[in-house]
Amino acid sequence: MDRAYVLVAEDEHIIGCDLVETVKEAGFEVDGPMHDVSSAMLSYQKRKPDVAILDVQLGDGLVFNFAEQLIAENVPVIFHSGAFTHDEIAERFPGEYTIEKPCPPDQMLERVQQALIHK
């Protein structure tokens, strides 16, 4: 069985590297961290991920339009944000996953597993 492929978009370098390392150590294949929406979209065009972890505010803007595209293609999205609350994100994206910064690695991995199960 192939390993699940996870796209990580996070513009804070240390947080992005930590996320990528956490997900890789759990046995997933990872692309990232992408620091802006443009890079994340380019990665998506090259290969559709099984799940995406997106910081809401990246270097070149909000990820909402990109998230809508992913969701339309049945890619679960985990919104990872310190700027937006769960309620703010859930209002626009009901049923998607949110996790506030900072979060423990085990909590992020739990969300990834949930997203893959309910895909």
PDB file of N, CA and C in Angstrom:
ATOM      1  N   MET A   1       0.842  -1.190   0.000  1.00  0.00           N
ATOM      2  CA  MET A   1       0.000   0.000   0.000  1.00  0.00           C
ATOM      3  C   MET A   1       0.883   1.247   0.000  1.00  0.00           C
ATOM      4  N   ASP A   2       0.514   2.237  -0.802  1.00  0.00           N
ATOM      5  CA  ASP A   2       1.269   3.483  -0.862  1.00  0.00           C
ATOM      6  C   ASP A   2       1.057   4.299   0.404  1.00  0.00           C
ATOM      7  N   ARG A   3       2.085   5.050   0.751  1.00  0.00           N
ATOM      8  CA  ARG A   3       1.963   5.964   1.890  1.00  0.00           C
ATOM      9  C   ARG A   3       1.117   7.152   1.470  1.00  0.00           C
ATOM     10  N   ALA A   4       0.345   7.662   2.422  1.00  0.00           N
ATOM     11  CA  ALA A   4      -0.466   8.848   2.137  1.00  0.00           C
ATOM     12  C   ALA A   4       0.454  10.035   1.882  1.00  0.00           C
ATOM     13  N   TYR A   5       0.033  10.884   0.964  1.00  0.00           N
ATOM     14  CA  TYR A   5       0.813  12.045   0.535  1.00  0.00           C
ATOM     15  C   TYR A   5       0.196  13.310   1.120  1.00  0.00           C
ATOM     16  N   VAL A   6       0.995  14.058   1.879  1.00  0.00           N
ATOM     17  CA  VAL A   6       0.519  15.233   2.610  1.00  0.00           C
ATOM     18  C   VAL A   6       1.210  16.490   2.088  1.00  0.00           C
ATOM     19  N   LEU A   7       0.415  17.499   1.753  1.00  0.00           N
ATOM     20  CA  LEU A   7       0.934  18.808   1.362  1.00  0.00           C
ATOM     21  C   LEU A   7       0.900  19.716   2.589  1.00  0.00           C
ATOM     22  N   VAL A   8       2.030  20.340   2.899  1.00  0.00           N
ATOM     23  CA  VAL A   8       2.121  21.259   4.039  1.00  0.00           C
ATOM     24  C   VAL A   8       2.419  22.659   3.515  1.00  0.00           C
ATOM     25  N   ALA A   9       1.551  23.616   3.860  1.00  0.00           N
ATOM     26  CA  ALA A   9       1.758  25.022   3.496  1.00  0.00           C
ATOM     27  C   ALA A   9       1.799  25.840   4.780  1.00  0.00           C
ATOM     28  N   GLU A  10       2.972  26.361   5.085  1.00  0.00           N
ATOM     29  CA  GLU A  10       3.206  27.124   6.319  1.00  0.00           C
ATOM     30  C   GLU A  10       4.328  28.112   6.055  1.00  0.00           C
ATOM     31  N   ASP A  11       4.068  29.407   6.284  1.00  0.00           N
ATOM     32  CA  ASP A  11       5.081  30.412   5.968  1.00  0.00           C
ATOM     33  C   ASP A  11       6.042  30.710   7.113  1.00  0.00           C
ATOM     34  N   GLU A  12       5.766  30.228   8.302  1.00  0.00           N
ATOM     35  CA  GLU A  12       6.725  30.378   9.398  1.00  0.00           C
ATOM     36  C   GLU A  12       7.682  29.194   9.318  1.00  0.00           C
ATOM     37  N   HIS A  13       8.937  29.475   8.981  1.00  0.00           N
ATOM     38  CA  HIS A  13       9.897  28.435   8.626  1.00  0.00           C
ATOM     39  C   HIS A  13      10.038  27.346   9.691  1.00  0.00           C
ATOM     40  N   ILE A  14      10.236  27.725  10.923  1.00  0.00           N
ATOM     41  CA  ILE A  14      10.458  26.731  11.980  1.00  0.00           C
ATOM     42  C   ILE A  14       9.219  25.865  12.170  1.00  0.00           C
ATOM     43  N   ILE A  15       8.051  26.487  12.198  1.00  0.00           N
ATOM     44  CA  ILE A  15       6.808  25.725  12.349  1.00  0.00           C
ATOM     45  C   ILE A  15       6.619  24.794  11.160  1.00  0.00           C
ATOM     46  N   GLY A  16       6.881  25.290   9.962  1.00  0.00           N
ATOM     47  CA  GLY A  16       6.748  24.470   8.765  1.00  0.00           C
ATOM     48  C   GLY A  16       7.666  23.265   8.778  1.00  0.00           C
ATOM     49  N   CYS A  17       8.921  23.479   9.154  1.00  0.00           N
ATOM     50  CA  CYS A  17       9.879  22.369   9.214  1.00  0.00           C
ATOM     51  C   CYS A  17       9.475  21.357  10.278  1.00  0.00           C
ATOM     52  N   ASP A  18       8.991  21.843  11.423  1.00  0.00           N
ATOM     53  CA  ASP A  18       8.515  20.940  12.474  1.00  0.00           C
ATOM     54  C   ASP A  18       7.332  20.104  11.992  1.00  0.00           C
ATOM     55  N   LEU A  19       6.390  20.749  11.304  1.00  0.00           N
ATOM     56  CA  LEU A  19       5.235  20.020  10.769  1.00  0.00           C
ATOM     57  C   LEU A  19       5.667  18.935   9.788  1.00  0.00           C
ATOM     58  N   VAL A  20       6.537  19.301   8.874  1.00  0.00           N
ATOM     59  CA  VAL A  20       7.016  18.346   7.873  1.00  0.00           C
ATOM     60  C   VAL A  20       7.709  17.171   8.557  1.00  0.00           C
ATOM     61  N   GLU A  21       8.574  17.453   9.512  1.00  0.00           N
ATOM     62  CA  GLU A  21       9.300  16.392  10.218  1.00  0.00           C
ATOM     63  C   GLU A  21       8.343  15.483  10.985  1.00  0.00           C
ATOM     64  N   THR A  22       7.370  16.071  11.659  1.00  0.00           N
ATOM     65  CA  THR A  22       6.377  15.295  12.410  1.00  0.00           C
ATOM     66  C   THR A  22       5.622  14.342  11.496  1.00  0.00           C
ATOM     67  N   VAL A  23       5.176  14.847  10.371  1.00  0.00           N
ATOM     68  CA  VAL A  23       4.386  14.038   9.442  1.00  0.00           C
ATOM     69  C   VAL A  23       5.254  12.960   8.791  1.00  0.00           C
ATOM     70  N   LYS A  24       6.484  13.300   8.426  1.00  0.00           N
ATOM     71  CA  LYS A  24       7.402  12.311   7.838  1.00  0.00           C
ATOM     72  C   LYS A  24       7.711  11.192   8.822  1.00  0.00           C
ATOM     73  N   GLU A  25       8.001  11.567  10.074  1.00  0.00           N
ATOM     74  CA  GLU A  25       8.336  10.566  11.088  1.00  0.00           C
ATOM     75  C   GLU A  25       7.180   9.605  11.341  1.00  0.00           C
ATOM     76  N   ALA A  26       5.966  10.048  11.076  1.00  0.00           N
ATOM     77  CA  ALA A  26       4.790   9.189  11.244  1.00  0.00           C
ATOM     78  C   ALA A  26       4.584   8.264  10.040  1.00  0.00           C
ATOM     79  N   GLY A  27       5.449   8.374   9.038  1.00  0.00           N
ATOM     80  CA  GLY A  27       5.395   7.464   7.905  1.00  0.00           C
ATOM     81  C   GLY A  27       4.698   7.980   6.664  1.00  0.00           C
ATOM     82  N   PHE A  28       4.350   9.251   6.660  1.00  0.00           N
ATOM     83  CA  PHE A  28       3.686   9.832   5.497  1.00  0.00           C
ATOM     84  C   PHE A  28       4.711  10.401   4.524  1.00  0.00           C
ATOM     85  N   GLU A  29       4.316  10.498   3.276  1.00  0.00           N
ATOM     86  CA  GLU A  29       5.107  11.193   2.265  1.00  0.00           C
ATOM     87  C   GLU A  29       4.672  12.658   2.306  1.00  0.00           C
ATOM     88  N   VAL A  30       5.636  13.584   2.272  1.00  0.00           N
ATOM     89  CA  VAL A  30       5.315  14.998   2.495  1.00  0.00           C
ATOM     90  C   VAL A  30       5.943  15.878   1.428  1.00  0.00           C
ATOM     91  N   ASP A  31       5.194  16.909   1.029  1.00  0.00           N
ATOM     92  CA  ASP A  31       5.747  17.977   0.206  1.00  0.00           C
ATOM     93  C   ASP A  31       5.567  19.273   0.978  1.00  0.00           C
ATOM     94  N   GLY A  32       6.652  19.986   1.168  1.00  0.00           N
ATOM     95  CA  GLY A  32       6.590  21.251   1.889  1.00  0.00           C
ATOM     96  C   GLY A  32       7.788  21.415   2.796  1.00  0.00           C
ATOM     97  N   PRO A  33       7.774  22.452   3.556  1.00  0.00           N
ATOM     98  CA  PRO A  33       6.688  23.413   3.687  1.00  0.00           C
ATOM     99  C   PRO A  33       6.685  24.435   2.546  1.00  0.00           C
ATOM    100  N   MET A  34       5.513  24.674   2.021  1.00  0.00           N
ATOM    101  CA  MET A  34       5.315  25.714   1.021  1.00  0.00           C
ATOM    102  C   MET A  34       5.061  27.017   1.771  1.00  0.00           C
ATOM    103  N   HIS A  35       5.742  28.083   1.385  1.00  0.00           N
ATOM    104  CA  HIS A  35       5.663  29.339   2.129  1.00  0.00           C
ATOM    105  C   HIS A  35       4.619  30.318   1.598  1.00  0.00           C
ATOM    106  N   ASP A  36       4.035  29.996   0.440  1.00  0.00           N
ATOM    107  CA  ASP A  36       3.014  30.886  -0.114  1.00  0.00           C
ATOM    108  C   ASP A  36       1.996  30.071  -0.907  1.00  0.00           C
ATOM    109  N   VAL A  37       0.879  30.690  -1.183  1.00  0.00           N
ATOM    110  CA  VAL A  37      -0.208  30.016  -1.896  1.00  0.00           C
ATOM    111  C   VAL A  37       0.256  29.584  -3.284  1.00  0.00           C
ATOM    112  N   SER A  38       1.023  30.420  -3.948  1.00  0.00           N
ATOM    113  CA  SER A  38       1.497  30.099  -5.304  1.00  0.00           C
ATOM    114  C   SER A  38       2.286  28.795  -5.322  1.00  0.00           C
ATOM    115  N   SER A  39       3.199  28.630  -4.377  1.00  0.00           N
ATOM    116  CA  SER A  39       4.001  27.401  -4.300  1.00  0.00           C
ATOM    117  C   SER A  39       3.132  26.195  -3.970  1.00  0.00           C
ATOM    118  N   ALA A  40       2.178  26.380  -3.071  1.00  0.00           N
ATOM    119  CA  ALA A  40       1.280  25.284  -2.702  1.00  0.00           C
ATOM    120  C   ALA A  40       0.448  24.845  -3.907  1.00  0.00           C
ATOM    121  N   MET A  41      -0.039  25.814  -4.676  1.00  0.00           N
ATOM    122  CA  MET A  41      -0.833  25.490  -5.867  1.00  0.00           C
ATOM    123  C   MET A  41       0.015  24.768  -6.915  1.00  0.00           C
ATOM    124  N   LEU A  42       1.248  25.192  -7.074  1.00  0.00           N
ATOM    125  CA  LEU A  42       2.143  24.536  -8.024  1.00  0.00           C
ATOM    126  C   LEU A  42       2.387  23.084  -7.609  1.00  0.00           C
ATOM    127  N   SER A  43       2.610  22.872  -6.322  1.00  0.00           N
ATOM    128  CA  SER A  43       2.793  21.514  -5.815  1.00  0.00           C
ATOM    129  C   SER A  43       1.555  20.665  -6.093  1.00  0.00           C
ATOM    130  N   TYR A  44       0.386  21.228  -5.829  1.00  0.00           N
ATOM    131  CA  TYR A  44      -0.885  20.532  -6.064  1.00  0.00           C
ATOM    132  C   TYR A  44      -1.056  20.170  -7.541  1.00  0.00           C
ATOM    133  N   GLN A  45      -0.659  21.070  -8.437  1.00  0.00           N
ATOM    134  CA  GLN A  45      -0.785  20.803  -9.869  1.00  0.00           C
ATOM    135  C   GLN A  45       0.129  19.662 -10.305  1.00  0.00           C
ATOM    136  N   LYS A  46       1.251  19.513  -9.623  1.00  0.00           N
ATOM    137  CA  LYS A  46       2.179  18.427  -9.951  1.00  0.00           C
ATOM    138  C   LYS A  46       1.683  17.085  -9.428  1.00  0.00           C
ATOM    139  N   ARG A  47       1.087  17.126  -8.224  1.00  0.00           N
ATOM    140  CA  ARG A  47       0.611  15.889  -7.609  1.00  0.00           C
ATOM    141  C   ARG A  47      -0.473  16.213  -6.589  1.00  0.00           C
ATOM    142  N   LYS A  48      -1.613  15.579  -6.760  1.00  0.00           N
ATOM    143  CA  LYS A  48      -2.744  15.790  -5.848  1.00  0.00           C
ATOM    144  C   LYS A  48      -2.449  15.105  -4.506  1.00  0.00           C
ATOM    145  N   PRO A  49      -2.514  15.859  -3.409  1.00  0.00           N
ATOM    146  CA  PRO A  49      -2.256  15.246  -2.102  1.00  0.00           C
ATOM    147  C   PRO A  49      -3.472  14.458  -1.604  1.00  0.00           C
ATOM    148  N   ASP A  50      -3.226  13.582  -0.644  1.00  0.00           N
ATOM    149  CA  ASP A  50      -4.311  12.871   0.027  1.00  0.00           C
ATOM    150  C   ASP A  50      -4.931  13.735   1.114  1.00  0.00           C
ATOM    151  N   VAL A  51      -4.151  14.646   1.655  1.00  0.00           N
ATOM    152  CA  VAL A  51      -4.608  15.600   2.665  1.00  0.00           C
ATOM    153  C   VAL A  51      -3.682  16.814   2.612  1.00  0.00           C
ATOM    154  N   ALA A  52      -4.215  17.981   2.967  1.00  0.00           N
ATOM    155  CA  ALA A  52      -3.411  19.211   2.981  1.00  0.00           C
ATOM    156  C   ALA A  52      -3.505  19.867   4.352  1.00  0.00           C
ATOM    157  N   ILE A  53      -2.349  20.276   4.868  1.00  0.00           N
ATOM    158  CA  ILE A  53      -2.277  21.066   6.099  1.00  0.00           C
ATOM    159  C   ILE A  53      -1.944  22.484   5.664  1.00  0.00           C
ATOM    160  N   LEU A  54      -2.871  23.411   5.900  1.00  0.00           N
ATOM    161  CA  LEU A  54      -2.706  24.778   5.405  1.00  0.00           C
ATOM    162  C   LEU A  54      -2.751  25.789   6.536  1.00  0.00           C
ATOM    163  N   ASP A  55      -1.693  26.588   6.649  1.00  0.00           N
ATOM    164  CA  ASP A  55      -1.768  27.789   7.474  1.00  0.00           C
ATOM    165  C   ASP A  55      -2.722  28.720   6.726  1.00  0.00           C
ATOM    166  N   VAL A  56      -3.603  29.374   7.438  1.00  0.00           N
ATOM    167  CA  VAL A  56      -4.614  30.202   6.774  1.00  0.00           C
ATOM    168  C   VAL A  56      -3.992  31.418   6.092  1.00  0.00           C
ATOM    169  N   GLN A  57      -3.020  32.031   6.732  1.00  0.00           N
ATOM    170  CA  GLN A  57      -2.374  33.239   6.194  1.00  0.00           C
ATOM    171  C   GLN A  57      -0.953  32.885   5.782  1.00  0.00           C
ATOM    172  N   LEU A  58      -0.708  32.848   4.470  1.00  0.00           N
ATOM    173  CA  LEU A  58       0.634  32.574   3.956  1.00  0.00           C
ATOM    174  C   LEU A  58       1.278  33.869   3.473  1.00  0.00           C
ATOM    175  N   GLY A  59       2.495  33.770   2.981  1.00  0.00           N
ATOM    176  CA  GLY A  59       3.252  34.945   2.578  1.00  0.00           C
ATOM    177  C   GLY A  59       2.588  35.805   1.524  1.00  0.00           C
ATOM    178  N   ASP A  60       1.798  35.200   0.645  1.00  0.00           N
ATOM    179  CA  ASP A  60       1.155  35.975  -0.420  1.00  0.00           C
ATOM    180  C   ASP A  60      -0.366  36.047  -0.275  1.00  0.00           C
ATOM    181  N   GLY A  61      -0.882  35.755   0.902  1.00  0.00           N
ATOM    182  CA  GLY A  61      -2.317  35.931   1.129  1.00  0.00           C
ATOM    183  C   GLY A  61      -2.986  34.766   1.823  1.00  0.00           C
ATOM    184  N   LEU A  62      -4.310  34.831   1.862  1.00  0.00           N
ATOM    185  CA  LEU A  62      -5.125  33.802   2.496  1.00  0.00           C
ATOM    186  C   LEU A  62      -5.260  32.575   1.594  1.00  0.00           C
ATOM    187  N   VAL A  63      -5.419  31.414   2.210  1.00  0.00           N
ATOM    188  CA  VAL A  63      -5.492  30.155   1.459  1.00  0.00           C
ATOM    189  C   VAL A  63      -6.913  29.751   1.083  1.00  0.00           C
ATOM    190  N   PHE A  64      -7.901  30.576   1.378  1.00  0.00           N
ATOM    191  CA  PHE A  64      -9.289  30.155   1.225  1.00  0.00           C
ATOM    192  C   PHE A  64      -9.649  29.707  -0.191  1.00  0.00           C
ATOM    193  N   ASN A  65      -9.253  30.435  -1.210  1.00  0.00           N
ATOM    194  CA  ASN A  65      -9.576  30.031  -2.589  1.00  0.00           C
ATOM    195  C   ASN A  65      -8.904  28.708  -2.944  1.00  0.00           C
ATOM    196  N   PHE A  66      -7.656  28.550  -2.532  1.00  0.00           N
ATOM    197  CA  PHE A  66      -6.937  27.297  -2.768  1.00  0.00           C
ATOM    198  C   PHE A  66      -7.619  26.155  -2.019  1.00  0.00           C
ATOM    199  N   ALA A  67      -8.020  26.404  -0.784  1.00  0.00           N
ATOM    200  CA  ALA A  67      -8.711  25.380   0.011  1.00  0.00           C
ATOM    201  C   ALA A  67     -10.005  24.947  -0.672  1.00  0.00           C
ATOM    202  N   GLU A  68     -10.743  25.897  -1.217  1.00  0.00           N
ATOM    203  CA  GLU A  68     -11.980  25.562  -1.931  1.00  0.00           C
ATOM    204  C   GLU A  68     -11.699  24.642  -3.114  1.00  0.00           C
ATOM    205  N   GLN A  69     -10.605  24.896  -3.811  1.00  0.00           N
ATOM    206  CA  GLN A  69     -10.223  24.054  -4.945  1.00  0.00           C
ATOM    207  C   GLN A  69      -9.887  22.639  -4.467  1.00  0.00           C
ATOM    208  N   LEU A  70      -9.122  22.537  -3.379  1.00  0.00           N
ATOM    209  CA  LEU A  70      -8.773  21.224  -2.839  1.00  0.00           C
ATOM    210  C   LEU A  70     -10.020  20.453  -2.417  1.00  0.00           C
ATOM    211  N   ILE A  71     -10.897  21.124  -1.692  1.00  0.00           N
ATOM    212  CA  ILE A  71     -12.117  20.482  -1.196  1.00  0.00           C
ATOM    213  C   ILE A  71     -12.993  20.016  -2.360  1.00  0.00           C
ATOM    214  N   ALA A  72     -13.073  20.818  -3.416  1.00  0.00           N
ATOM    215  CA  ALA A  72     -13.842  20.433  -4.604  1.00  0.00           C
ATOM    216  C   ALA A  72     -13.278  19.174  -5.255  1.00  0.00           C
ATOM    217  N   GLU A  73     -11.984  18.936  -5.057  1.00  0.00           N
ATOM    218  CA  GLU A  73     -11.317  17.748  -5.600  1.00  0.00           C
ATOM    219  C   GLU A  73     -11.248  16.620  -4.563  1.00  0.00           C
ATOM    220  N   ASN A  74     -12.045  16.740  -3.495  1.00  0.00           N
ATOM    221  CA  ASN A  74     -12.113  15.729  -2.429  1.00  0.00           C
ATOM    222  C   ASN A  74     -10.801  15.537  -1.677  1.00  0.00           C
ATOM    223  N   VAL A  75     -10.043  16.613  -1.530  1.00  0.00           N
ATOM    224  CA  VAL A  75      -8.833  16.589  -0.709  1.00  0.00           C
ATOM    225  C   VAL A  75      -9.191  17.203   0.644  1.00  0.00           C
ATOM    226  N   PRO A  76      -9.113  16.422   1.733  1.00  0.00           N
ATOM    227  CA  PRO A  76      -9.391  16.992   3.044  1.00  0.00           C
ATOM    228  C   PRO A  76      -8.362  18.062   3.399  1.00  0.00           C
ATOM    229  N   VAL A  77      -8.842  19.111   4.053  1.00  0.00           N
ATOM    230  CA  VAL A  77      -7.975  20.224   4.446  1.00  0.00           C
ATOM    231  C   VAL A  77      -7.975  20.345   5.963  1.00  0.00           C
ATOM    232  N   ILE A  78      -6.775  20.489   6.520  1.00  0.00           N
ATOM    233  CA  ILE A  78      -6.608  20.794   7.938  1.00  0.00           C
ATOM    234  C   ILE A  78      -6.103  22.226   8.001  1.00  0.00           C
ATOM    235  N   PHE A  79      -6.928  23.117   8.514  1.00  0.00           N
ATOM    236  CA  PHE A  79      -6.528  24.515   8.658  1.00  0.00           C
ATOM    237  C   PHE A  79      -5.738  24.655   9.955  1.00  0.00           C
ATOM    238  N   HIS A  80      -4.525  25.170   9.834  1.00  0.00           N
ATOM    239  CA  HIS A  80      -3.601  25.322  10.961  1.00  0.00           C
ATOM    240  C   HIS A  80      -3.350  26.814  11.118  1.00  0.00           C
ATOM    241  N   SER A  81      -3.916  27.416  12.170  1.00  0.00           N
ATOM    242  CA  SER A  81      -3.866  28.876  12.229  1.00  0.00           C
ATOM    243  C   SER A  81      -3.708  29.409  13.639  1.00  0.00           C
ATOM    244  N   GLY A  82      -2.995  30.507  13.727  1.00  0.00           N
ATOM    245  CA  GLY A  82      -2.915  31.266  14.958  1.00  0.00           C
ATOM    246  C   GLY A  82      -3.697  32.559  14.850  1.00  0.00           C
ATOM    247  N   ALA A  83      -4.119  32.900  13.646  1.00  0.00           N
ATOM    248  CA  ALA A  83      -4.801  34.170  13.395  1.00  0.00           C
ATOM    249  C   ALA A  83      -6.321  34.032  13.326  1.00  0.00           C
ATOM    250  N   PHE A  84      -6.812  32.856  12.996  1.00  0.00           N
ATOM    251  CA  PHE A  84      -8.247  32.624  12.855  1.00  0.00           C
ATOM    252  C   PHE A  84      -8.681  31.557  13.850  1.00  0.00           C
ATOM    253  N   THR A  85      -9.863  31.722  14.421  1.00  0.00           N
ATOM    254  CA  THR A  85     -10.386  30.737  15.365  1.00  0.00           C
ATOM    255  C   THR A  85     -11.082  29.601  14.623  1.00  0.00           C
ATOM    256  N   HIS A  86     -11.323  28.541  15.353  1.00  0.00           N
ATOM    257  CA  HIS A  86     -12.057  27.404  14.793  1.00  0.00           C
ATOM    258  C   HIS A  86     -13.412  27.864  14.247  1.00  0.00           C
ATOM    259  N   ASP A  87     -14.121  28.682  15.018  1.00  0.00           N
ATOM    260  CA  ASP A  87     -15.453  29.136  14.597  1.00  0.00           C
ATOM    261  C   ASP A  87     -15.404  29.959  13.313  1.00  0.00           C
ATOM    262  N   GLU A  88     -14.390  30.809  13.180  1.00  0.00           N
ATOM    263  CA  GLU A  88     -14.259  31.627  11.966  1.00  0.00           C
ATOM    264  C   GLU A  88     -14.035  30.750  10.735  1.00  0.00           C
ATOM    265  N   ILE A  89     -13.216  29.734  10.892  1.00  0.00           N
ATOM    266  CA  ILE A  89     -12.932  28.842   9.766  1.00  0.00           C
ATOM    267  C   ILE A  89     -14.129  27.932   9.495  1.00  0.00           C
ATOM    268  N   ALA A  90     -14.732  27.400  10.564  1.00  0.00           N
ATOM    269  CA  ALA A  90     -15.865  26.483  10.412  1.00  0.00           C
ATOM    270  C   ALA A  90     -17.066  27.159   9.760  1.00  0.00           C
ATOM    271  N   GLU A  91     -17.203  28.459   9.961  1.00  0.00           N
ATOM    272  CA  GLU A  91     -18.307  29.184   9.328  1.00  0.00           C
ATOM    273  C   GLU A  91     -18.191  29.125   7.806  1.00  0.00           C
ATOM    274  N   ARG A  92     -16.974  29.224   7.314  1.00  0.00           N
ATOM    275  CA  ARG A  92     -16.754  29.202   5.867  1.00  0.00           C
ATOM    276  C   ARG A  92     -16.565  27.782   5.330  1.00  0.00           C
ATOM    277  N   PHE A  93     -15.978  26.912   6.160  1.00  0.00           N
ATOM    278  CA  PHE A  93     -15.660  25.545   5.741  1.00  0.00           C
ATOM    279  C   PHE A  93     -16.197  24.533   6.751  1.00  0.00           C
ATOM    280  N   PRO A  94     -17.514  24.389   6.832  1.00  0.00           N
ATOM    281  CA  PRO A  94     -18.066  23.429   7.789  1.00  0.00           C
ATOM    282  C   PRO A  94     -17.627  22.008   7.428  1.00  0.00           C
ATOM    283  N   GLY A  95     -17.272  21.255   8.429  1.00  0.00           N
ATOM    284  CA  GLY A  95     -16.874  19.869   8.191  1.00  0.00           C
ATOM    285  C   GLY A  95     -15.396  19.679   7.944  1.00  0.00           C
ATOM    286  N   GLU A  96     -14.657  20.751   7.707  1.00  0.00           N
ATOM    287  CA  GLU A  96     -13.210  20.615   7.542  1.00  0.00           C
ATOM    288  C   GLU A  96     -12.555  20.688   8.923  1.00  0.00           C
ATOM    289  N   TYR A  97     -11.309  20.333   8.971  1.00  0.00           N
ATOM    290  CA  TYR A  97     -10.586  20.250  10.236  1.00  0.00           C
ATOM    291  C   TYR A  97      -9.847  21.549  10.521  1.00  0.00           C
ATOM    292  N   THR A  98      -9.848  21.946  11.778  1.00  0.00           N
ATOM    293  CA  THR A  98      -9.073  23.112  12.199  1.00  0.00           C
ATOM    294  C   THR A  98      -8.237  22.727  13.403  1.00  0.00           C
ATOM    295  N   ILE A  99      -7.105  23.371  13.508  1.00  0.00           N
ATOM    296  CA  ILE A  99      -6.235  23.171  14.659  1.00  0.00           C
ATOM    297  C   ILE A  99      -5.502  24.485  14.894  1.00  0.00           C
ATOM    298  N   GLU A 100      -5.510  24.935  16.126  1.00  0.00           N
ATOM    299  CA  GLU A 100      -4.904  26.221  16.442  1.00  0.00           C
ATOM    300  C   GLU A 100      -3.427  26.061  16.762  1.00  0.00           C
ATOM    301  N   LYS A 101      -2.663  27.079  16.391  1.00  0.00           N
ATOM    302  CA  LYS A 101      -1.239  27.127  16.730  1.00  0.00           C
ATOM    303  C   LYS A 101      -1.101  27.664  18.146  1.00  0.00           C
ATOM    304  N   PRO A 102      -0.149  27.205  18.868  1.00  0.00           N
ATOM    305  CA  PRO A 102       0.678  26.023  18.608  1.00  0.00           C
ATOM    306  C   PRO A 102      -0.101  24.759  18.957  1.00  0.00           C
ATOM    307  N   CYS A 103       0.263  23.662  18.332  1.00  0.00           N
ATOM    308  CA  CYS A 103      -0.398  22.395  18.648  1.00  0.00           C
ATOM    309  C   CYS A 103       0.660  21.312  18.833  1.00  0.00           C
ATOM    310  N   PRO A 104       0.396  20.380  19.742  1.00  0.00           N
ATOM    311  CA  PRO A 104       1.336  19.275  19.933  1.00  0.00           C
ATOM    312  C   PRO A 104       1.351  18.361  18.707  1.00  0.00           C
ATOM    313  N   PRO A 105       2.485  17.745  18.415  1.00  0.00           N
ATOM    314  CA  PRO A 105       2.586  16.869  17.240  1.00  0.00           C
ATOM    315  C   PRO A 105       1.537  15.761  17.220  1.00  0.00           C
ATOM    316  N   ASP A 106       1.252  15.162  18.379  1.00  0.00           N
ATOM    317  CA  ASP A 106       0.285  14.065  18.389  1.00  0.00           C
ATOM    318  C   ASP A 106      -1.115  14.539  18.006  1.00  0.00           C
ATOM    319  N   GLN A 107      -1.447  15.778  18.334  1.00  0.00           N
ATOM    320  CA  GLN A 107      -2.748  16.331  17.961  1.00  0.00           C
ATOM    321  C   GLN A 107      -2.830  16.523  16.442  1.00  0.00           C
ATOM    322  N   MET A 108      -1.750  16.995  15.834  1.00  0.00           N
ATOM    323  CA  MET A 108      -1.735  17.163  14.379  1.00  0.00           C
ATOM    324  C   MET A 108      -1.848  15.807  13.687  1.00  0.00           C
ATOM    325  N   LEU A 109      -1.106  14.825  14.168  1.00  0.00           N
ATOM    326  CA  LEU A 109      -1.157  13.499  13.549  1.00  0.00           C
ATOM    327  C   LEU A 109      -2.542  12.867  13.691  1.00  0.00           C
ATOM    328  N   GLU A 110      -3.193  13.125  14.814  1.00  0.00           N
ATOM    329  CA  GLU A 110      -4.561  12.635  15.003  1.00  0.00           C
ATOM    330  C   GLU A 110      -5.496  13.244  13.957  1.00  0.00           C
ATOM    331  N   ARG A 111      -5.343  14.546  13.692  1.00  0.00           N
ATOM    332  CA  ARG A 111      -6.170  15.211  12.679  1.00  0.00           C
ATOM    333  C   ARG A 111      -5.894  14.647  11.283  1.00  0.00           C
ATOM    334  N   VAL A 112      -4.623  14.393  10.986  1.00  0.00           N
ATOM    335  CA  VAL A 112      -4.278  13.824   9.678  1.00  0.00           C
ATOM    336  C   VAL A 112      -4.950  12.462   9.521  1.00  0.00           C
ATOM    337  N   GLN A 113      -4.855  11.630  10.551  1.00  0.00           N
ATOM    338  CA  GLN A 113      -5.484  10.303  10.494  1.00  0.00           C
ATOM    339  C   GLN A 113      -6.996  10.422  10.323  1.00  0.00           C
ATOM    340  N   GLN A 114      -7.627  11.326  11.076  1.00  0.00           N
ATOM    341  CA  GLN A 114      -9.075  11.529  10.953  1.00  0.00           C
ATOM    342  C   GLN A 114      -9.446  11.960   9.535  1.00  0.00           C
ATOM    343  N   ALA A 115      -8.675  12.879   8.994  1.00  0.00           N
ATOM    344  CA  ALA A 115      -8.958  13.380   7.646  1.00  0.00           C
ATOM    345  C   ALA A 115      -8.852  12.263   6.613  1.00  0.00           C
ATOM    346  N   LEU A 116      -7.871  11.403   6.759  1.00  0.00           N
ATOM    347  CA  LEU A 116      -7.693  10.307   5.807  1.00  0.00           C
ATOM    348  C   LEU A 116      -8.801   9.264   5.936  1.00  0.00           C
ATOM    349  N   ILE A 117      -9.235   8.998   7.154  1.00  0.00           N
ATOM    350  CA  ILE A 117     -10.296   8.015   7.379  1.00  0.00           C
ATOM    351  C   ILE A 117     -11.615   8.497   6.785  1.00  0.00           C
ATOM    352  N   HIS A 118     -11.895   9.783   6.939  1.00  0.00           N
ATOM    353  CA  HIS A 118     -13.180  10.333   6.495  1.00  0.00           C
ATOM    354  C   HIS A 118     -13.147  10.909   5.082  1.00  0.00           C
ATOM    355  N   LYS A 119     -12.077  10.663   4.386  1.00  0.00           N
ATOM    356  CA  LYS A 119     -11.902  11.199   3.028  1.00  0.00           C
ATOM    357  C   LYS A 119     -12.973  10.685   2.102  1.00  0.00           C
TER     358      LYS A 119
END
